[in-house]
């Protein structure tokens, strides 16, 4: 029986290699299609009562820059970000129950009135968190740690999806969904690519990329209980293999 062909969209570094190796170990044929490259800005967040980090990439960028949270209350948006922060030697004080911007606002809104909150994120971060925290009475600063760019040669997955040759796809952020759609549109095959995904198994690591996909007409088959890539990969492979 042919192996399920699964597209994966991690950043264009060791993470895409690790993701492909994991899919291979699970019995799938990986289609690594990095939709993101990371460009650090060199900026670090100012001193604040609370510092909020929203990705393991942001943790890595700050750790490489020699930054540390000091006496700030360190808040991480989900387990993978918290694990990366712990690996950097930092103490994580808060992980919200819901792993997204709205969840972070809900976790902090009762504690930040009159306090300073430093958000350290990518250049594609949404306005949900700063708006919600300001409404809660916080003085919010925003630092762009890194910019996300799409590699010029990205898009193999869009071609395969349009041809009906993908069995599954694992989206890890809204930016990867948008990158896939842009690559398909540049090839004049957006509608075919979306249709191809809808005949495959589509997984999203969290509700935010799932919602981005749904808004584009992509049917999302699974979102793991925890925002964990291995759980996402296992779920997509298992469902795609059952469909073989």
C-alpha atoms as a PDB file:
ATOM      1  CA  UNK A   1       0.000   0.000   0.000  1.00  0.00           C
ATOM      2  CA  UNK A   2       1.312   3.442  -0.914  1.00  0.00           C
ATOM      3  CA  UNK A   3       2.242   5.714   1.940  1.00  0.00           C
ATOM      4  CA  UNK A   4      -0.021   8.680   2.668  1.00  0.00           C
ATOM      5  CA  UNK A   5       1.482  11.831   1.186  1.00  0.00           C
ATOM      6  CA  UNK A   6       1.345  14.612   3.810  1.00  0.00           C
ATOM      7  CA  UNK A   7       2.338  18.253   3.284  1.00  0.00           C
ATOM      8  CA  UNK A   8       3.935  20.059   6.187  1.00  0.00           C
ATOM      9  CA  UNK A   9       4.648  23.780   6.520  1.00  0.00           C
ATOM     10  CA  UNK A  10       7.253  24.458   9.218  1.00  0.00           C
ATOM     11  CA  UNK A  11       9.739  27.365   9.034  1.00  0.00           C
ATOM     12  CA  UNK A  12      12.657  26.950   6.647  1.00  0.00           C
ATOM     13  CA  UNK A  13      15.182  25.708   9.220  1.00  0.00           C
ATOM     14  CA  UNK A  14      15.773  22.559  11.251  1.00  0.00           C
ATOM     15  CA  UNK A  15      12.082  22.481  12.130  1.00  0.00           C
ATOM     16  CA  UNK A  16      11.041  21.522   8.601  1.00  0.00           C
ATOM     17  CA  UNK A  17      13.647  18.754   8.625  1.00  0.00           C
ATOM     18  CA  UNK A  18      12.451  17.486  12.012  1.00  0.00           C
ATOM     19  CA  UNK A  19       8.837  17.591  10.846  1.00  0.00           C
ATOM     20  CA  UNK A  20       9.623  15.602   7.708  1.00  0.00           C
ATOM     21  CA  UNK A  21      11.555  13.037   9.759  1.00  0.00           C
ATOM     22  CA  UNK A  22       8.610  12.663  12.147  1.00  0.00           C
ATOM     23  CA  UNK A  23       6.135  12.114   9.315  1.00  0.00           C
ATOM     24  CA  UNK A  24       8.465   9.544   7.777  1.00  0.00           C
ATOM     25  CA  UNK A  25       8.732   7.723  11.122  1.00  0.00           C
ATOM     26  CA  UNK A  26       4.929   7.611  11.275  1.00  0.00           C
ATOM     27  CA  UNK A  27       4.796   5.828   7.944  1.00  0.00           C
ATOM     28  CA  UNK A  28       3.856   8.802   5.766  1.00  0.00           C
ATOM     29  CA  UNK A  29       5.546  10.288   2.722  1.00  0.00           C
ATOM     30  CA  UNK A  30       6.404  13.834   3.802  1.00  0.00           C
ATOM     31  CA  UNK A  31       6.066  16.798   1.477  1.00  0.00           C
ATOM     32  CA  UNK A  32       8.092  19.488   3.256  1.00  0.00           C
ATOM     33  CA  UNK A  33       7.033  22.861   1.881  1.00  0.00           C
ATOM     34  CA  UNK A  34       8.395  25.625   4.124  1.00  0.00           C
ATOM     35  CA  UNK A  35       6.121  28.645   3.833  1.00  0.00           C
ATOM     36  CA  UNK A  36       8.105  30.786   6.264  1.00  0.00           C
ATOM     37  CA  UNK A  37      11.594  32.078   6.768  1.00  0.00           C
ATOM     38  CA  UNK A  38      12.466  33.920   9.963  1.00  0.00           C
ATOM     39  CA  UNK A  39      14.176  37.338   9.841  1.00  0.00           C
ATOM     40  CA  UNK A  40      15.059  38.599  13.354  1.00  0.00           C
ATOM     41  CA  UNK A  41      14.784  42.351  13.760  1.00  0.00           C
ATOM     42  CA  UNK A  42      17.350  42.613  16.554  1.00  0.00           C
ATOM     43  CA  UNK A  43      14.774  44.236  18.846  1.00  0.00           C
ATOM     44  CA  UNK A  44      14.045  43.080  22.398  1.00  0.00           C
ATOM     45  CA  UNK A  45      11.124  43.989  24.655  1.00  0.00           C
ATOM     46  CA  UNK A  46      11.510  46.801  27.212  1.00  0.00           C
ATOM     47  CA  UNK A  47      11.389  46.208  30.949  1.00  0.00           C
ATOM     48  CA  UNK A  48       7.806  45.597  32.025  1.00  0.00           C
ATOM     49  CA  UNK A  49       5.712  44.059  34.767  1.00  0.00           C
ATOM     50  CA  UNK A  50       4.512  41.369  32.347  1.00  0.00           C
ATOM     51  CA  UNK A  51       6.183  40.004  29.212  1.00  0.00           C
ATOM     52  CA  UNK A  52       4.103  37.955  26.772  1.00  0.00           C
ATOM     53  CA  UNK A  53       5.710  35.579  24.273  1.00  0.00           C
ATOM     54  CA  UNK A  54       3.609  33.918  21.598  1.00  0.00           C
ATOM     55  CA  UNK A  55       5.888  31.400  19.874  1.00  0.00           C
ATOM     56  CA  UNK A  56       8.894  29.181  20.411  1.00  0.00           C
ATOM     57  CA  UNK A  57      10.493  31.111  17.536  1.00  0.00           C
ATOM     58  CA  UNK A  58      10.248  34.292  19.587  1.00  0.00           C
ATOM     59  CA  UNK A  59      11.846  32.520  22.541  1.00  0.00           C
ATOM     60  CA  UNK A  60      14.713  31.324  20.342  1.00  0.00           C
ATOM     61  CA  UNK A  61      15.256  34.802  18.892  1.00  0.00           C
ATOM     62  CA  UNK A  62      15.385  36.373  22.353  1.00  0.00           C
ATOM     63  CA  UNK A  63      17.603  33.663  23.804  1.00  0.00           C
ATOM     64  CA  UNK A  64      20.043  34.095  20.902  1.00  0.00           C
ATOM     65  CA  UNK A  65      20.070  37.833  21.636  1.00  0.00           C
ATOM     66  CA  UNK A  66      20.960  37.172  25.283  1.00  0.00           C
ATOM     67  CA  UNK A  67      17.686  38.565  26.609  1.00  0.00           C
ATOM     68  CA  UNK A  68      16.174  37.339  29.872  1.00  0.00           C
ATOM     69  CA  UNK A  69      12.849  38.208  31.553  1.00  0.00           C
ATOM     70  CA  UNK A  70      14.411  39.404  34.804  1.00  0.00           C
ATOM     71  CA  UNK A  71      11.731  40.159  37.394  1.00  0.00           C
ATOM     72  CA  UNK A  72       8.893  40.312  34.876  1.00  0.00           C
ATOM     73  CA  UNK A  73       5.977  37.913  35.028  1.00  0.00           C
ATOM     74  CA  UNK A  74       6.636  35.748  31.979  1.00  0.00           C
ATOM     75  CA  UNK A  75       3.557  34.641  30.053  1.00  0.00           C
ATOM     76  CA  UNK A  76       3.678  32.091  27.217  1.00  0.00           C
ATOM     77  CA  UNK A  77       0.742  31.510  24.908  1.00  0.00           C
ATOM     78  CA  UNK A  78       0.952  27.709  24.876  1.00  0.00           C
ATOM     79  CA  UNK A  79       2.911  24.627  25.970  1.00  0.00           C
ATOM     80  CA  UNK A  80       5.430  24.645  23.108  1.00  0.00           C
ATOM     81  CA  UNK A  81       6.332  28.265  23.806  1.00  0.00           C
ATOM     82  CA  UNK A  82       6.532  27.537  27.544  1.00  0.00           C
ATOM     83  CA  UNK A  83       8.729  24.480  26.932  1.00  0.00           C
ATOM     84  CA  UNK A  84      11.104  26.550  24.801  1.00  0.00           C
ATOM     85  CA  UNK A  85      11.246  29.239  27.506  1.00  0.00           C
ATOM     86  CA  UNK A  86      11.984  26.647  30.181  1.00  0.00           C
ATOM     87  CA  UNK A  87      14.722  25.184  27.972  1.00  0.00           C
ATOM     88  CA  UNK A  88      16.228  28.688  27.762  1.00  0.00           C
ATOM     89  CA  UNK A  89      16.405  28.703  31.562  1.00  0.00           C
ATOM     90  CA  UNK A  90      13.490  31.068  32.173  1.00  0.00           C
ATOM     91  CA  UNK A  91      10.688  30.614  34.695  1.00  0.00           C
ATOM     92  CA  UNK A  92       7.262  30.635  33.063  1.00  0.00           C
ATOM     93  CA  UNK A  93       4.602  32.173  35.292  1.00  0.00           C
ATOM     94  CA  UNK A  94       1.494  31.959  33.116  1.00  0.00           C
ATOM     95  CA  UNK A  95       0.129  29.751  30.324  1.00  0.00           C
ATOM     96  CA  UNK A  96      -3.542  30.439  29.511  1.00  0.00           C
ATOM     97  CA  UNK A  97      -6.105  27.667  29.361  1.00  0.00           C
ATOM     98  CA  UNK A  98      -6.940  28.690  25.797  1.00  0.00           C
ATOM     99  CA  UNK A  99      -3.820  28.882  23.654  1.00  0.00           C
ATOM    100  CA  UNK A 100      -4.484  32.033  21.636  1.00  0.00           C
ATOM    101  CA  UNK A 101      -4.649  35.809  21.961  1.00  0.00           C
ATOM    102  CA  UNK A 102      -8.142  35.808  23.430  1.00  0.00           C
ATOM    103  CA  UNK A 103      -7.066  33.185  25.942  1.00  0.00           C
ATOM    104  CA  UNK A 104      -4.102  35.284  27.037  1.00  0.00           C
ATOM    105  CA  UNK A 105      -6.320  38.336  27.494  1.00  0.00           C
ATOM    106  CA  UNK A 106      -8.725  36.260  29.589  1.00  0.00           C
ATOM    107  CA  UNK A 107      -5.860  34.980  31.737  1.00  0.00           C
ATOM    108  CA  UNK A 108      -4.368  38.424  32.404  1.00  0.00           C
ATOM    109  CA  UNK A 109      -7.209  40.924  32.322  1.00  0.00           C
ATOM    110  CA  UNK A 110      -7.816  40.717  36.066  1.00  0.00           C
ATOM    111  CA  UNK A 111      -4.169  41.396  36.940  1.00  0.00           C
ATOM    112  CA  UNK A 112      -2.837  44.053  34.563  1.00  0.00           C
ATOM    113  CA  UNK A 113      -4.731  47.254  35.394  1.00  0.00           C
ATOM    114  CA  UNK A 114      -2.128  49.968  35.919  1.00  0.00           C
ATOM    115  CA  UNK A 115       0.680  47.571  34.955  1.00  0.00           C
ATOM    116  CA  UNK A 116       3.075  47.546  31.997  1.00  0.00           C
ATOM    117  CA  UNK A 117       2.784  44.654  29.563  1.00  0.00           C
ATOM    118  CA  UNK A 118       5.372  43.999  26.835  1.00  0.00           C
ATOM    119  CA  UNK A 119       4.179  41.938  23.872  1.00  0.00           C
ATOM    120  CA  UNK A 120       7.020  40.384  21.886  1.00  0.00           C
ATOM    121  CA  UNK A 121       5.809  38.806  18.642  1.00  0.00           C
ATOM    122  CA  UNK A 122       6.156  38.551  14.873  1.00  0.00           C
ATOM    123  CA  UNK A 123       5.273  41.217  12.333  1.00  0.00           C
ATOM    124  CA  UNK A 124       2.030  39.345  11.546  1.00  0.00           C
ATOM    125  CA  UNK A 125       0.579  39.414  15.051  1.00  0.00           C
ATOM    126  CA  UNK A 126      -3.087  40.317  15.404  1.00  0.00           C
ATOM    127  CA  UNK A 127      -4.526  43.283  17.310  1.00  0.00           C
ATOM    128  CA  UNK A 128      -6.641  41.082  19.616  1.00  0.00           C
ATOM    129  CA  UNK A 129      -4.163  40.917  22.458  1.00  0.00           C
ATOM    130  CA  UNK A 130      -3.025  44.563  22.690  1.00  0.00           C
ATOM    131  CA  UNK A 131      -6.582  45.817  22.343  1.00  0.00           C
ATOM    132  CA  UNK A 132      -7.875  43.440  25.000  1.00  0.00           C
ATOM    133  CA  UNK A 133      -5.105  44.208  27.471  1.00  0.00           C
ATOM    134  CA  UNK A 134      -5.455  47.967  27.002  1.00  0.00           C
ATOM    135  CA  UNK A 135      -9.178  47.603  27.620  1.00  0.00           C
ATOM    136  CA  UNK A 136      -8.228  45.864  30.879  1.00  0.00           C
ATOM    137  CA  UNK A 137      -6.224  48.919  31.929  1.00  0.00           C
ATOM    138  CA  UNK A 138      -2.709  47.838  30.999  1.00  0.00           C
ATOM    139  CA  UNK A 139      -0.010  50.022  29.450  1.00  0.00           C
ATOM    140  CA  UNK A 140       0.975  47.885  26.470  1.00  0.00           C
ATOM    141  CA  UNK A 141       4.141  48.005  24.373  1.00  0.00           C
ATOM    142  CA  UNK A 142       4.623  45.954  21.216  1.00  0.00           C
ATOM    143  CA  UNK A 143       7.981  44.675  20.000  1.00  0.00           C
ATOM    144  CA  UNK A 144       8.442  42.997  16.621  1.00  0.00           C
ATOM    145  CA  UNK A 145      11.001  40.275  17.267  1.00  0.00           C
ATOM    146  CA  UNK A 146      11.062  38.847  13.762  1.00  0.00           C
ATOM    147  CA  UNK A 147       9.520  39.144  10.340  1.00  0.00           C
ATOM    148  CA  UNK A 148       7.999  36.230   8.463  1.00  0.00           C
ATOM    149  CA  UNK A 149       8.725  35.861   4.771  1.00  0.00           C
ATOM    150  CA  UNK A 150       7.692  33.195   2.267  1.00  0.00           C
ATOM    151  CA  UNK A 151      10.530  31.470   0.374  1.00  0.00           C
ATOM    152  CA  UNK A 152      10.396  32.173  -3.348  1.00  0.00           C
ATOM    153  CA  UNK A 153      10.396  28.462  -4.220  1.00  0.00           C
ATOM    154  CA  UNK A 154       7.558  27.481  -1.861  1.00  0.00           C
ATOM    155  CA  UNK A 155       4.462  25.925  -3.357  1.00  0.00           C
ATOM    156  CA  UNK A 156       5.042  22.265  -4.260  1.00  0.00           C
ATOM    157  CA  UNK A 157       2.179  21.347  -1.936  1.00  0.00           C
ATOM    158  CA  UNK A 158      -0.206  23.655  -3.792  1.00  0.00           C
ATOM    159  CA  UNK A 159       0.627  21.966  -7.087  1.00  0.00           C
ATOM    160  CA  UNK A 160       0.107  18.511  -5.573  1.00  0.00           C
ATOM    161  CA  UNK A 161      -3.154  19.500  -3.902  1.00  0.00           C
ATOM    162  CA  UNK A 162      -4.487  20.967  -7.143  1.00  0.00           C
ATOM    163  CA  UNK A 163      -3.640  17.720  -8.919  1.00  0.00           C
ATOM    164  CA  UNK A 164      -5.378  15.629  -6.244  1.00  0.00           C
ATOM    165  CA  UNK A 165      -2.067  14.100  -5.177  1.00  0.00           C
ATOM    166  CA  UNK A 166      -2.039  15.040  -1.476  1.00  0.00           C
ATOM    167  CA  UNK A 167      -3.537  12.825   1.210  1.00  0.00           C
ATOM    168  CA  UNK A 168      -3.130  15.308   4.034  1.00  0.00           C
ATOM    169  CA  UNK A 169      -1.770  18.654   5.175  1.00  0.00           C
ATOM    170  CA  UNK A 170      -0.606  19.906   8.572  1.00  0.00           C
ATOM    171  CA  UNK A 171      -0.858  23.677   9.068  1.00  0.00           C
ATOM    172  CA  UNK A 172       1.043  25.146  12.008  1.00  0.00           C
ATOM    173  CA  UNK A 173       0.035  28.813  11.829  1.00  0.00           C
ATOM    174  CA  UNK A 174      -2.266  31.207  10.008  1.00  0.00           C
ATOM    175  CA  UNK A 175       0.785  32.418   8.085  1.00  0.00           C
ATOM    176  CA  UNK A 176       1.348  28.943   6.639  1.00  0.00           C
ATOM    177  CA  UNK A 177      -2.278  28.765   5.498  1.00  0.00           C
ATOM    178  CA  UNK A 178      -1.935  32.169   3.853  1.00  0.00           C
ATOM    179  CA  UNK A 179       1.379  31.154   2.276  1.00  0.00           C
ATOM    180  CA  UNK A 180      -0.177  28.018   0.798  1.00  0.00           C
ATOM    181  CA  UNK A 181      -3.061  30.005  -0.662  1.00  0.00           C
ATOM    182  CA  UNK A 182      -0.745  32.671  -2.095  1.00  0.00           C
ATOM    183  CA  UNK A 183       1.464  30.023  -3.708  1.00  0.00           C
ATOM    184  CA  UNK A 184      -1.609  28.394  -5.239  1.00  0.00           C
ATOM    185  CA  UNK A 185      -2.947  31.723  -6.482  1.00  0.00           C
ATOM    186  CA  UNK A 186       0.394  32.641  -8.068  1.00  0.00           C
ATOM    187  CA  UNK A 187       0.126  29.414 -10.055  1.00  0.00           C
ATOM    188  CA  UNK A 188      -3.445  30.166 -11.072  1.00  0.00           C
ATOM    189  CA  UNK A 189      -4.680  27.101  -9.184  1.00  0.00           C
ATOM    190  CA  UNK A 190      -6.163  28.385  -5.948  1.00  0.00           C
ATOM    191  CA  UNK A 191      -9.634  26.889  -6.440  1.00  0.00           C
ATOM    192  CA  UNK A 192      -8.178  23.526  -7.508  1.00  0.00           C
ATOM    193  CA  UNK A 193      -5.754  23.522  -4.566  1.00  0.00           C
ATOM    194  CA  UNK A 194      -8.528  24.223  -2.057  1.00  0.00           C
ATOM    195  CA  UNK A 195     -10.658  21.503  -3.642  1.00  0.00           C
ATOM    196  CA  UNK A 196      -7.717  19.120  -3.413  1.00  0.00           C
ATOM    197  CA  UNK A 197      -7.283  19.837   0.286  1.00  0.00           C
ATOM    198  CA  UNK A 198     -10.982  19.264   0.833  1.00  0.00           C
ATOM    199  CA  UNK A 199     -10.534  15.768  -0.589  1.00  0.00           C
ATOM    200  CA  UNK A 200      -7.614  15.202   1.812  1.00  0.00           C
ATOM    201  CA  UNK A 201      -7.186  15.288   5.615  1.00  0.00           C
ATOM    202  CA  UNK A 202      -6.428  18.797   6.855  1.00  0.00           C
ATOM    203  CA  UNK A 203      -5.122  19.410  10.358  1.00  0.00           C
ATOM    204  CA  UNK A 204      -4.361  22.707  12.100  1.00  0.00           C
ATOM    205  CA  UNK A 205      -2.267  22.996  15.234  1.00  0.00           C
ATOM    206  CA  UNK A 206      -4.684  25.432  16.909  1.00  0.00           C
ATOM    207  CA  UNK A 207      -7.972  27.228  16.363  1.00  0.00           C
ATOM    208  CA  UNK A 208      -6.376  30.354  14.873  1.00  0.00           C
ATOM    209  CA  UNK A 209      -4.933  28.663  11.754  1.00  0.00           C
ATOM    210  CA  UNK A 210      -8.026  26.450  11.602  1.00  0.00           C
ATOM    211  CA  UNK A 211     -10.233  29.537  11.389  1.00  0.00           C
ATOM    212  CA  UNK A 212      -7.973  31.101   8.744  1.00  0.00           C
ATOM    213  CA  UNK A 213      -8.312  27.928   6.682  1.00  0.00           C
ATOM    214  CA  UNK A 214     -12.088  27.758   7.111  1.00  0.00           C
ATOM    215  CA  UNK A 215     -12.479  31.380   6.030  1.00  0.00           C
ATOM    216  CA  UNK A 216     -10.698  30.445   2.803  1.00  0.00           C
ATOM    217  CA  UNK A 217     -13.057  27.541   2.170  1.00  0.00           C
ATOM    218  CA  UNK A 218     -10.718  24.818   3.443  1.00  0.00           C
ATOM    219  CA  UNK A 219     -12.419  22.127   5.510  1.00  0.00           C
ATOM    220  CA  UNK A 220     -10.422  21.409   8.682  1.00  0.00           C
ATOM    221  CA  UNK A 221     -10.687  17.814   9.878  1.00  0.00           C
ATOM    222  CA  UNK A 222      -8.809  18.034  13.155  1.00  0.00           C
ATOM    223  CA  UNK A 223      -7.292  20.371  15.721  1.00  0.00           C
ATOM    224  CA  UNK A 224      -5.369  18.554  18.499  1.00  0.00           C
ATOM    225  CA  UNK A 225      -6.362  19.177  22.109  1.00  0.00           C
ATOM    226  CA  UNK A 226      -2.907  20.657  22.750  1.00  0.00           C
ATOM    227  CA  UNK A 227      -1.066  22.898  20.310  1.00  0.00           C
ATOM    228  CA  UNK A 228       1.643  20.293  19.752  1.00  0.00           C
ATOM    229  CA  UNK A 229       3.129  19.447  16.365  1.00  0.00           C
ATOM    230  CA  UNK A 230       3.640  15.761  17.079  1.00  0.00           C
ATOM    231  CA  UNK A 231      -0.012  15.403  18.080  1.00  0.00           C
ATOM    232  CA  UNK A 232      -1.016  17.228  14.898  1.00  0.00           C
ATOM    233  CA  UNK A 233       1.189  15.034  12.709  1.00  0.00           C
ATOM    234  CA  UNK A 234      -0.024  11.808  14.312  1.00  0.00           C
ATOM    235  CA  UNK A 235      -3.653  12.810  13.912  1.00  0.00           C
ATOM    236  CA  UNK A 236      -3.296  13.717  10.243  1.00  0.00           C
ATOM    237  CA  UNK A 237      -1.320  10.576   9.396  1.00  0.00           C
ATOM    238  CA  UNK A 238      -3.741   8.286  11.232  1.00  0.00           C
ATOM    239  CA  UNK A 239      -6.787   9.726   9.481  1.00  0.00           C
ATOM    240  CA  UNK A 240      -5.117   9.848   6.070  1.00  0.00           C
ATOM    241  CA  UNK A 241      -3.939   6.250   6.413  1.00  0.00           C
ATOM    242  CA  UNK A 242      -7.448   5.057   7.293  1.00  0.00           C
ATOM    243  CA  UNK A 243      -8.722   6.674   4.095  1.00  0.00           C
ATOM    244  CA  UNK A 244      -6.183   4.828   1.931  1.00  0.00           C
END
